[in-house]
């Protein structure tokens, strides 16, 4: 069974680079990756925040948040 990995981003250049470098390169046999553009889907900002995401781009894997770089604070996306 694949592990759930949610990649949250805001569409900024840092986020776009991280999506290409990380989110799209994960092995689909290991990870079920969902890509969530918080700039376009503001309804999911609270979900990301509840999962521990402080800034994007970030992954939430198995319920743990991993921040890749600093593109935008979640507060800016609310």
N, C-alpha and C. Protein backbone atom coordinates (compact mmCIF):
# COMPACT_ATOMS: atom_id res chain seq x y z
N UNK A 1 0.84 -1.18 0.00
CA UNK A 1 0.00 0.00 0.00
C UNK A 1 0.89 1.25 0.00
N UNK A 2 0.58 2.18 -0.88
CA UNK A 2 1.37 3.41 -1.02
C UNK A 2 1.13 4.34 0.17
N UNK A 3 2.17 5.05 0.56
CA UNK A 3 2.08 6.03 1.64
C UNK A 3 1.51 7.33 1.07
N UNK A 4 0.68 8.00 1.83
CA UNK A 4 0.07 9.26 1.41
C UNK A 4 1.07 10.40 1.59
N UNK A 5 1.27 11.16 0.52
CA UNK A 5 2.13 12.35 0.56
C UNK A 5 1.36 13.49 -0.08
N UNK A 6 1.11 14.54 0.68
CA UNK A 6 0.43 15.71 0.15
C UNK A 6 1.44 16.83 0.02
N UNK A 7 1.55 17.38 -1.18
CA UNK A 7 2.47 18.47 -1.45
C UNK A 7 1.65 19.74 -1.55
N UNK A 8 1.88 20.65 -0.61
CA UNK A 8 1.18 21.94 -0.59
C UNK A 8 2.10 23.00 -1.17
N UNK A 9 1.54 23.86 -2.03
CA UNK A 9 2.33 24.94 -2.60
C UNK A 9 1.41 26.10 -2.96
N UNK A 10 2.04 27.22 -3.35
CA UNK A 10 1.28 28.42 -3.66
C UNK A 10 1.49 28.90 -5.09
N UNK A 11 2.23 28.14 -5.88
CA UNK A 11 2.45 28.51 -7.27
C UNK A 11 3.61 29.46 -7.51
N UNK A 12 4.32 29.82 -6.45
CA UNK A 12 5.47 30.73 -6.60
C UNK A 12 6.64 29.99 -7.27
N UNK A 13 7.67 30.70 -7.72
CA UNK A 13 8.79 30.04 -8.37
C UNK A 13 9.48 28.98 -7.51
N UNK A 14 9.63 29.24 -6.21
CA UNK A 14 10.23 28.25 -5.31
C UNK A 14 9.36 27.00 -5.26
N UNK A 15 8.04 27.21 -5.19
CA UNK A 15 7.10 26.08 -5.13
C UNK A 15 7.11 25.28 -6.43
N UNK A 16 7.13 25.97 -7.55
CA UNK A 16 7.14 25.30 -8.85
C UNK A 16 8.39 24.45 -9.01
N UNK A 17 9.52 24.97 -8.57
CA UNK A 17 10.77 24.22 -8.64
C UNK A 17 10.70 23.00 -7.73
N UNK A 18 10.17 23.16 -6.52
CA UNK A 18 10.05 22.04 -5.59
C UNK A 18 9.10 20.97 -6.11
N UNK A 19 8.04 21.40 -6.78
CA UNK A 19 7.10 20.44 -7.36
C UNK A 19 7.80 19.56 -8.38
N UNK A 20 8.59 20.18 -9.24
CA UNK A 20 9.32 19.43 -10.26
C UNK A 20 10.40 18.55 -9.63
N UNK A 21 11.16 19.13 -8.70
CA UNK A 21 12.29 18.42 -8.12
C UNK A 21 11.89 17.30 -7.16
N UNK A 22 10.79 17.49 -6.45
CA UNK A 22 10.43 16.52 -5.41
C UNK A 22 9.10 15.82 -5.65
N UNK A 23 8.02 16.58 -5.72
CA UNK A 23 6.69 15.98 -5.77
C UNK A 23 6.49 15.07 -6.96
N UNK A 24 6.97 15.49 -8.11
CA UNK A 24 6.77 14.69 -9.32
C UNK A 24 7.81 13.59 -9.49
N UNK A 25 8.81 13.56 -8.60
CA UNK A 25 9.85 12.55 -8.75
C UNK A 25 9.72 11.41 -7.73
N UNK A 26 8.73 11.48 -6.84
CA UNK A 26 8.54 10.40 -5.88
C UNK A 26 8.03 9.16 -6.58
N UNK A 27 8.51 8.03 -6.14
CA UNK A 27 8.12 6.74 -6.73
C UNK A 27 6.65 6.45 -6.44
N UNK A 28 5.81 6.35 -7.47
CA UNK A 28 4.38 6.10 -7.25
C UNK A 28 4.10 4.72 -6.65
N UNK A 29 5.07 3.82 -6.66
CA UNK A 29 4.89 2.53 -6.00
C UNK A 29 4.98 2.68 -4.48
N UNK A 30 5.64 3.76 -4.05
CA UNK A 30 5.84 3.99 -2.61
C UNK A 30 4.90 5.08 -2.10
N UNK A 31 4.70 6.14 -2.90
CA UNK A 31 3.92 7.29 -2.46
C UNK A 31 2.74 7.58 -3.38
N UNK A 32 1.59 7.81 -2.75
CA UNK A 32 0.42 8.33 -3.44
C UNK A 32 0.47 9.84 -3.22
N UNK A 33 0.91 10.59 -4.23
CA UNK A 33 1.15 12.02 -4.08
C UNK A 33 -0.07 12.82 -4.55
N UNK A 34 -0.51 13.71 -3.69
CA UNK A 34 -1.55 14.67 -4.04
C UNK A 34 -0.90 16.04 -4.03
N UNK A 35 -1.08 16.80 -5.09
CA UNK A 35 -0.51 18.15 -5.19
C UNK A 35 -1.65 19.15 -4.99
N UNK A 36 -1.48 20.02 -3.99
CA UNK A 36 -2.52 20.98 -3.63
C UNK A 36 -1.96 22.40 -3.79
N UNK A 37 -2.54 23.15 -4.71
CA UNK A 37 -2.16 24.54 -4.96
C UNK A 37 -3.04 25.41 -4.05
N UNK A 38 -2.47 25.88 -2.94
CA UNK A 38 -3.24 26.62 -1.96
C UNK A 38 -3.66 28.00 -2.45
N UNK A 39 -2.96 28.54 -3.43
CA UNK A 39 -3.36 29.82 -4.00
C UNK A 39 -4.66 29.70 -4.76
N UNK A 40 -4.92 28.53 -5.32
CA UNK A 40 -6.15 28.28 -6.08
C UNK A 40 -7.21 27.57 -5.26
N UNK A 41 -6.79 26.95 -4.15
CA UNK A 41 -7.71 26.16 -3.34
C UNK A 41 -7.59 26.60 -1.88
N UNK A 42 -8.03 27.82 -1.60
CA UNK A 42 -7.89 28.41 -0.26
C UNK A 42 -8.67 27.63 0.80
N UNK A 43 -9.65 26.86 0.41
CA UNK A 43 -10.43 26.07 1.36
C UNK A 43 -9.56 25.03 2.07
N UNK A 44 -8.40 24.72 1.49
CA UNK A 44 -7.55 23.69 2.08
C UNK A 44 -6.39 24.26 2.91
N UNK A 45 -6.34 25.60 3.04
CA UNK A 45 -5.28 26.23 3.85
C UNK A 45 -5.39 25.77 5.30
N UNK A 46 -6.59 25.73 5.85
CA UNK A 46 -6.76 25.30 7.25
C UNK A 46 -6.36 23.84 7.43
N UNK A 47 -6.58 23.02 6.42
CA UNK A 47 -6.16 21.61 6.46
C UNK A 47 -4.64 21.52 6.55
N UNK A 48 -3.96 22.31 5.72
CA UNK A 48 -2.50 22.32 5.73
C UNK A 48 -1.98 22.81 7.08
N UNK A 49 -2.60 23.85 7.59
CA UNK A 49 -2.20 24.42 8.87
C UNK A 49 -2.38 23.40 10.00
N UNK A 50 -3.50 22.69 9.98
CA UNK A 50 -3.77 21.67 11.00
C UNK A 50 -2.77 20.52 10.94
N UNK A 51 -2.22 20.29 9.74
CA UNK A 51 -1.23 19.23 9.57
C UNK A 51 0.18 19.68 9.97
N UNK A 52 0.33 20.96 10.35
CA UNK A 52 1.62 21.44 10.80
C UNK A 52 2.40 22.25 9.79
N UNK A 53 1.80 22.51 8.63
CA UNK A 53 2.48 23.31 7.61
C UNK A 53 2.48 24.78 8.04
N UNK A 54 3.66 25.39 8.02
CA UNK A 54 3.82 26.79 8.41
C UNK A 54 4.08 27.67 7.18
N UNK A 55 4.73 27.08 6.18
CA UNK A 55 5.03 27.79 4.94
C UNK A 55 5.07 26.77 3.81
N UNK A 56 4.97 27.28 2.60
CA UNK A 56 5.03 26.40 1.44
C UNK A 56 6.24 26.76 0.60
N UNK A 57 6.78 25.81 -0.11
CA UNK A 57 6.31 24.46 -0.35
C UNK A 57 6.59 23.54 0.84
N UNK A 58 5.70 22.58 1.02
CA UNK A 58 5.85 21.61 2.10
C UNK A 58 5.12 20.32 1.74
N UNK A 59 5.64 19.24 2.27
CA UNK A 59 4.98 17.94 2.17
C UNK A 59 4.37 17.61 3.52
N UNK A 60 3.29 16.87 3.51
CA UNK A 60 2.81 16.18 4.70
C UNK A 60 2.80 14.71 4.32
N UNK A 61 3.64 13.96 5.01
CA UNK A 61 3.78 12.53 4.74
C UNK A 61 3.52 11.79 6.05
N UNK A 62 2.59 10.86 5.99
CA UNK A 62 2.23 10.08 7.17
C UNK A 62 1.92 10.98 8.36
N UNK A 63 1.26 12.12 8.10
CA UNK A 63 0.84 13.00 9.16
C UNK A 63 1.91 13.94 9.70
N UNK A 64 3.08 13.95 9.08
CA UNK A 64 4.17 14.83 9.53
C UNK A 64 4.50 15.83 8.45
N UNK A 65 4.69 17.09 8.85
CA UNK A 65 5.00 18.16 7.90
C UNK A 65 6.51 18.27 7.68
N UNK A 66 6.88 18.43 6.42
CA UNK A 66 8.27 18.62 6.02
C UNK A 66 8.35 19.85 5.14
N UNK A 67 9.04 20.86 5.62
CA UNK A 67 9.17 22.11 4.88
C UNK A 67 10.41 22.03 3.99
N UNK A 68 10.23 22.30 2.71
CA UNK A 68 11.31 22.17 1.74
C UNK A 68 12.14 23.43 1.65
N UNK A 69 11.49 24.56 1.56
CA UNK A 69 12.15 25.85 1.41
C UNK A 69 11.11 26.88 1.84
N UNK A 70 11.43 28.13 1.78
CA UNK A 70 10.44 29.13 2.18
C UNK A 70 10.00 29.94 0.96
N UNK A 71 8.80 29.63 0.47
CA UNK A 71 8.23 30.38 -0.64
C UNK A 71 7.22 31.39 -0.17
N UNK A 72 6.31 30.97 0.74
CA UNK A 72 5.27 31.86 1.27
C UNK A 72 4.76 31.31 2.60
N UNK A 73 4.50 32.21 3.54
CA UNK A 73 3.87 31.81 4.80
C UNK A 73 2.41 31.48 4.54
N UNK A 74 1.87 30.54 5.33
CA UNK A 74 0.45 30.21 5.18
C UNK A 74 -0.44 31.41 5.48
N UNK A 75 -0.01 32.27 6.38
CA UNK A 75 -0.82 33.45 6.73
C UNK A 75 -1.10 34.32 5.52
N UNK A 76 -0.19 34.36 4.56
CA UNK A 76 -0.36 35.15 3.35
C UNK A 76 -1.44 34.55 2.45
N UNK A 77 -1.65 33.26 2.56
CA UNK A 77 -2.60 32.56 1.68
C UNK A 77 -4.04 32.57 2.21
N UNK A 78 -4.22 33.01 3.44
CA UNK A 78 -5.58 33.01 4.04
C UNK A 78 -6.44 34.08 3.43
